[in-house]
Amino acid sequence: MFEYAMLAYTNLDCKLFALCQLGPTVEKSIYTQQYGLFLATLRAARESAGILQSELAARLNVDQPFVSKCESGQRRLDFIEVREWCAALGITLNELTVSFEETIARVQKK
């Protein structure tokens, strides 16, 4: 059985201790090369389908600036939104994923 000293910690002390226990921070994915390649893959999928941003926006029931912000990385898409994006482009999520993986492989070969 272990004995612990009774110390008076404030709530702030506990929060700071918890933060210190997290260890090294992980880089946010939006700042990685892979996220840039993902955005390029999204845009390429739209362009290869011959769809303008305004047309995609209409299919998604959003405005064109929303599409632009997503493609430029100013607005992040969640998984469900990416799936809807694919459906609006007439492709499957799997097709987008394969294209994304191929793009990563091409870049890594360079």
C-alpha atoms as a PDB file:
ATOM      1  CA  MET A   1       0.000   0.000   0.000  1.00  0.00           C
ATOM      2  CA  PHE A   2       1.326   3.424  -0.906  1.00  0.00           C
ATOM      3  CA  GLU A   3       1.113   6.466   1.253  1.00  0.00           C
ATOM      4  CA  TYR A   4       0.681   9.847  -0.334  1.00  0.00           C
ATOM      5  CA  ALA A   5       1.373  13.189   1.242  1.00  0.00           C
ATOM      6  CA  MET A   6      -1.713  15.309   1.482  1.00  0.00           C
ATOM      7  CA  LEU A   7      -0.933  18.464  -0.427  1.00  0.00           C
ATOM      8  CA  ALA A   8      -3.217  21.362  -1.111  1.00  0.00           C
ATOM      9  CA  TYR A   9      -3.390  21.880  -4.867  1.00  0.00           C
ATOM     10  CA  THR A  10      -5.562  24.448  -6.489  1.00  0.00           C
ATOM     11  CA  ASN A  11      -7.708  23.603  -9.469  1.00  0.00           C
ATOM     12  CA  LEU A  12      -5.272  25.570 -11.649  1.00  0.00           C
ATOM     13  CA  ASP A  13      -2.336  23.503 -10.352  1.00  0.00           C
ATOM     14  CA  CYS A  14      -4.151  20.327 -11.344  1.00  0.00           C
ATOM     15  CA  LYS A  15      -4.912  21.625 -14.827  1.00  0.00           C
ATOM     16  CA  LEU A  16      -1.308  22.711 -15.375  1.00  0.00           C
ATOM     17  CA  PHE A  17      -0.054  19.336 -14.167  1.00  0.00           C
ATOM     18  CA  ALA A  18      -2.427  17.568 -16.546  1.00  0.00           C
ATOM     19  CA  LEU A  19      -1.192  19.678 -19.460  1.00  0.00           C
ATOM     20  CA  CYS A  20       2.420  18.871 -18.608  1.00  0.00           C
ATOM     21  CA  GLN A  21       1.608  15.155 -18.658  1.00  0.00           C
ATOM     22  CA  LEU A  22       0.438  15.287 -22.260  1.00  0.00           C
ATOM     23  CA  GLY A  23       4.010  15.199 -23.504  1.00  0.00           C
ATOM     24  CA  PRO A  24       5.142  16.586 -26.822  1.00  0.00           C
ATOM     25  CA  THR A  25       2.445  18.223 -28.852  1.00  0.00           C
ATOM     26  CA  VAL A  26       1.473  16.874 -32.233  1.00  0.00           C
ATOM     27  CA  GLU A  27       1.536  19.240 -35.170  1.00  0.00           C
ATOM     28  CA  LYS A  28      -1.968  20.192 -36.258  1.00  0.00           C
ATOM     29  CA  SER A  29      -2.724  18.405 -39.504  1.00  0.00           C
ATOM     30  CA  ILE A  30      -3.855  21.588 -41.243  1.00  0.00           C
ATOM     31  CA  TYR A  31      -0.225  22.728 -41.220  1.00  0.00           C
ATOM     32  CA  THR A  32       1.207  19.551 -42.727  1.00  0.00           C
ATOM     33  CA  GLN A  33       2.233  18.854 -46.285  1.00  0.00           C
ATOM     34  CA  GLN A  34      -0.265  15.988 -46.373  1.00  0.00           C
ATOM     35  CA  TYR A  35      -3.176  18.313 -45.612  1.00  0.00           C
ATOM     36  CA  GLY A  36      -2.069  20.542 -48.489  1.00  0.00           C
ATOM     37  CA  LEU A  37      -2.036  17.474 -50.725  1.00  0.00           C
ATOM     38  CA  PHE A  38      -5.507  16.543 -49.492  1.00  0.00           C
ATOM     39  CA  LEU A  39      -6.794  19.985 -50.474  1.00  0.00           C
ATOM     40  CA  ALA A  40      -5.110  19.673 -53.870  1.00  0.00           C
ATOM     41  CA  THR A  41      -6.780  16.270 -54.304  1.00  0.00           C
ATOM     42  CA  LEU A  42     -10.198  17.745 -53.464  1.00  0.00           C
ATOM     43  CA  ARG A  43      -9.725  20.534 -55.985  1.00  0.00           C
ATOM     44  CA  ALA A  44      -8.397  18.165 -58.661  1.00  0.00           C
ATOM     45  CA  ALA A  45     -11.431  15.911 -58.175  1.00  0.00           C
ATOM     46  CA  ARG A  46     -13.747  18.858 -58.726  1.00  0.00           C
ATOM     47  CA  GLU A  47     -11.833  20.102 -61.745  1.00  0.00           C
ATOM     48  CA  SER A  48     -11.581  16.654 -63.349  1.00  0.00           C
ATOM     49  CA  ALA A  49     -15.357  16.339 -62.979  1.00  0.00           C
ATOM     50  CA  GLY A  50     -15.650  19.623 -64.899  1.00  0.00           C
ATOM     51  CA  ILE A  51     -17.526  21.281 -62.053  1.00  0.00           C
ATOM     52  CA  LEU A  52     -17.079  24.933 -61.104  1.00  0.00           C
ATOM     53  CA  GLN A  53     -16.948  26.004 -57.471  1.00  0.00           C
ATOM     54  CA  SER A  54     -20.325  27.694 -57.908  1.00  0.00           C
ATOM     55  CA  GLU A  55     -21.836  24.485 -59.301  1.00  0.00           C
ATOM     56  CA  LEU A  56     -20.434  22.414 -56.447  1.00  0.00           C
ATOM     57  CA  ALA A  57     -21.752  24.978 -53.994  1.00  0.00           C
ATOM     58  CA  ALA A  58     -25.238  24.646 -55.463  1.00  0.00           C
ATOM     59  CA  ARG A  59     -25.059  20.849 -55.191  1.00  0.00           C
ATOM     60  CA  LEU A  60     -23.973  21.131 -51.553  1.00  0.00           C
ATOM     61  CA  ASN A  61     -26.539  23.837 -50.796  1.00  0.00           C
ATOM     62  CA  VAL A  62     -23.824  26.274 -49.682  1.00  0.00           C
ATOM     63  CA  ASP A  63     -22.414  29.436 -51.217  1.00  0.00           C
ATOM     64  CA  GLN A  64     -19.374  29.568 -53.513  1.00  0.00           C
ATOM     65  CA  PRO A  65     -17.107  31.271 -50.937  1.00  0.00           C
ATOM     66  CA  PHE A  66     -17.638  28.247 -48.661  1.00  0.00           C
ATOM     67  CA  VAL A  67     -16.229  25.953 -51.355  1.00  0.00           C
ATOM     68  CA  SER A  68     -13.339  28.337 -51.954  1.00  0.00           C
ATOM     69  CA  LYS A  69     -12.518  28.503 -48.239  1.00  0.00           C
ATOM     70  CA  CYS A  70     -12.565  24.723 -47.974  1.00  0.00           C
ATOM     71  CA  GLU A  71     -10.319  24.237 -50.996  1.00  0.00           C
ATOM     72  CA  SER A  72      -7.860  26.856 -49.743  1.00  0.00           C
ATOM     73  CA  GLY A  73      -7.744  25.430 -46.220  1.00  0.00           C
ATOM     74  CA  GLN A  74      -9.396  28.414 -44.541  1.00  0.00           C
ATOM     75  CA  ARG A  75     -12.351  26.212 -43.573  1.00  0.00           C
ATOM     76  CA  ARG A  76     -11.770  22.647 -42.473  1.00  0.00           C
ATOM     77  CA  LEU A  77     -14.062  19.850 -43.626  1.00  0.00           C
ATOM     78  CA  ASP A  78     -15.081  17.042 -41.317  1.00  0.00           C
ATOM     79  CA  PHE A  79     -15.468  13.433 -42.434  1.00  0.00           C
ATOM     80  CA  ILE A  80     -19.196  13.683 -43.136  1.00  0.00           C
ATOM     81  CA  GLU A  81     -18.691  16.864 -45.166  1.00  0.00           C
ATOM     82  CA  VAL A  82     -15.968  15.189 -47.244  1.00  0.00           C
ATOM     83  CA  ARG A  83     -18.335  12.303 -47.915  1.00  0.00           C
ATOM     84  CA  GLU A  84     -21.056  14.734 -49.047  1.00  0.00           C
ATOM     85  CA  TRP A  85     -18.478  16.610 -51.141  1.00  0.00           C
ATOM     86  CA  CYS A  86     -17.595  13.344 -52.910  1.00  0.00           C
ATOM     87  CA  ALA A  87     -21.245  12.522 -53.553  1.00  0.00           C
ATOM     88  CA  ALA A  88     -21.754  15.982 -55.060  1.00  0.00           C
ATOM     89  CA  LEU A  89     -18.808  15.310 -57.380  1.00  0.00           C
ATOM     90  CA  GLY A  90     -20.162  11.894 -58.356  1.00  0.00           C
ATOM     91  CA  ILE A  91     -17.270   9.964 -56.809  1.00  0.00           C
ATOM     92  CA  THR A  92     -16.983   7.704 -53.805  1.00  0.00           C
ATOM     93  CA  LEU A  93     -15.046   8.461 -50.669  1.00  0.00           C
ATOM     94  CA  ASN A  94     -12.895   5.451 -51.537  1.00  0.00           C
ATOM     95  CA  GLU A  95     -12.033   6.932 -54.949  1.00  0.00           C
ATOM     96  CA  LEU A  96     -10.981  10.190 -53.306  1.00  0.00           C
ATOM     97  CA  THR A  97      -8.886   8.285 -50.765  1.00  0.00           C
ATOM     98  CA  VAL A  98      -7.121   6.284 -53.481  1.00  0.00           C
ATOM     99  CA  SER A  99      -6.393   9.472 -55.408  1.00  0.00           C
ATOM    100  CA  PHE A 100      -5.075  11.105 -52.239  1.00  0.00           C
ATOM    101  CA  GLU A 101      -2.792   8.148 -51.463  1.00  0.00           C
ATOM    102  CA  GLU A 102      -1.487   8.170 -55.055  1.00  0.00           C
ATOM    103  CA  THR A 103      -0.734  11.889 -54.745  1.00  0.00           C
ATOM    104  CA  ILE A 104       1.188  11.313 -51.518  1.00  0.00           C
ATOM    105  CA  ALA A 105       3.153   8.458 -53.120  1.00  0.00           C
ATOM    106  CA  ARG A 106       4.091  10.631 -56.128  1.00  0.00           C
ATOM    107  CA  VAL A 107       5.323  13.430 -53.885  1.00  0.00           C
ATOM    108  CA  GLN A 108       7.320  11.051 -51.687  1.00  0.00           C
ATOM    109  CA  LYS A 109       9.115   9.594 -54.737  1.00  0.00           C
ATOM    110  CA  LYS A 110      10.493  13.020 -55.657  1.00  0.00           C
END
